[in-house]
Protein backbone atom coordinates (compact mmCIF):
# COMPACT_ATOMS: atom_id res chain seq x y z
CA UNK A 1 0.00 0.00 0.00
CA UNK A 2 2.82 2.39 0.90
CA UNK A 3 4.59 1.66 -2.41
CA UNK A 4 1.40 2.34 -4.37
CA UNK A 5 0.82 5.66 -2.59
CA UNK A 6 4.46 6.66 -3.16
CA UNK A 7 4.22 5.86 -6.88
CA UNK A 8 1.00 7.86 -7.27
CA UNK A 9 2.53 10.86 -5.48
CA UNK A 10 5.69 10.58 -7.59
CA UNK A 11 3.86 10.39 -10.92
CA UNK A 12 1.53 13.22 -9.95
CA UNK A 13 4.46 15.37 -8.90
CA UNK A 14 6.23 14.57 -12.16
CA UNK A 15 3.27 15.61 -14.27
CA UNK A 16 2.76 18.79 -12.24
CA UNK A 17 6.44 19.79 -12.32
CA UNK A 18 7.09 18.82 -15.96
CA UNK A 19 6.53 22.35 -17.34
CA UNK A 20 8.98 23.68 -14.77
CA UNK A 21 11.63 21.02 -15.37
CA UNK A 22 11.36 20.98 -19.18
CA UNK A 23 9.73 24.21 -20.42
CA UNK A 24 8.18 24.37 -23.87
CA UNK A 25 10.53 25.84 -26.49
CA UNK A 26 9.32 29.04 -28.19
CA UNK A 27 8.68 28.36 -31.89
CA UNK A 28 9.93 31.31 -33.92
CA UNK A 29 12.16 33.37 -31.66
CA UNK A 30 15.16 32.99 -33.96
CA UNK A 31 13.43 34.85 -36.82
CA UNK A 32 12.53 37.75 -34.54
CA UNK A 33 16.01 38.08 -33.03
CA UNK A 34 18.07 41.15 -33.84
CA UNK A 35 20.93 40.68 -36.28
CA UNK A 36 24.14 39.83 -34.48
CA UNK A 37 27.66 39.41 -35.79
CA UNK A 38 28.00 36.05 -37.47
CA UNK A 39 29.92 33.55 -35.40
CA UNK A 40 31.96 30.83 -37.06
CA UNK A 41 29.82 27.83 -37.96
CA UNK A 42 32.01 25.46 -36.00
CA UNK A 43 34.51 26.02 -33.24
CA UNK A 44 38.02 25.11 -34.29
CA UNK A 45 39.25 21.95 -32.62
CA UNK A 46 42.29 21.26 -30.48
CA UNK A 47 44.37 19.94 -33.37
CA UNK A 48 43.99 23.24 -35.20
CA UNK A 49 45.13 25.21 -32.18
CA UNK A 50 48.08 22.86 -31.58
CA UNK A 51 49.23 23.62 -35.12
CA UNK A 52 48.58 27.37 -34.63
CA UNK A 53 49.69 27.90 -31.03
CA UNK A 54 50.07 31.69 -31.34
CA UNK A 55 46.45 31.98 -32.42
CA UNK A 56 45.45 29.74 -29.50
CA UNK A 57 47.21 32.09 -27.10
CA UNK A 58 45.36 35.06 -28.64
CA UNK A 59 42.01 33.27 -28.27
CA UNK A 60 42.72 32.41 -24.62
CA UNK A 61 43.71 36.02 -23.93
CA UNK A 62 40.45 37.13 -25.57
CA UNK A 63 38.51 34.67 -23.45
CA UNK A 64 40.07 36.05 -20.28
CA UNK A 65 39.16 39.66 -21.10
CA UNK A 66 35.69 38.68 -22.38
CA UNK A 67 36.04 39.56 -26.07
CA UNK A 68 35.90 35.91 -27.21
CA UNK A 69 33.24 33.41 -26.15
CA UNK A 70 32.15 29.95 -27.11
CA UNK A 71 33.67 26.53 -27.51
CA UNK A 72 36.98 27.82 -28.80
CA UNK A 73 38.01 29.02 -25.34
CA UNK A 74 38.18 25.49 -23.98
CA UNK A 75 39.80 23.96 -27.06
CA UNK A 76 42.43 26.71 -27.31
CA UNK A 77 43.24 26.34 -23.62
CA UNK A 78 43.50 22.57 -24.01
CA UNK A 79 45.85 23.01 -26.99
CA UNK A 80 48.11 25.33 -24.98
CA UNK A 81 48.24 22.80 -22.16
CA UNK A 82 49.16 20.02 -24.61
CA UNK A 83 51.89 22.08 -26.30
CA UNK A 84 53.36 23.22 -22.98
CA UNK A 85 53.33 19.63 -21.67
CA UNK A 86 55.07 18.39 -24.82
CA UNK A 87 57.69 21.13 -24.47
CA UNK A 88 58.31 20.26 -20.80
CA UNK A 89 58.54 16.56 -21.67
CA UNK A 90 61.00 17.33 -24.48
CA UNK A 91 63.19 19.41 -22.14
CA UNK A 92 63.04 16.77 -19.40
CA UNK A 93 64.00 13.91 -21.70
CA UNK A 94 66.64 16.00 -23.46
CA UNK A 95 65.34 15.38 -26.98
């Protein structure tokens, strides 16, 4: 009996709170949005930034001061970490 009451309360609470947990998406808000500067279609990946480390450092600096946003901040930072680690490893091993 207790299990049945708990299930009924749980399902009822789920149905009542569903609009709060997962709100309905507005249909045509993109068409009404003001024109913004076009962002790149895809964020450049870590391999790109490893090959262009100076550009990665510029992107990370832009992320810190707030002029750059998006997925490139994380990938550029990851590329810098990889390049610095490879440089430290090369110096440590003497290659």
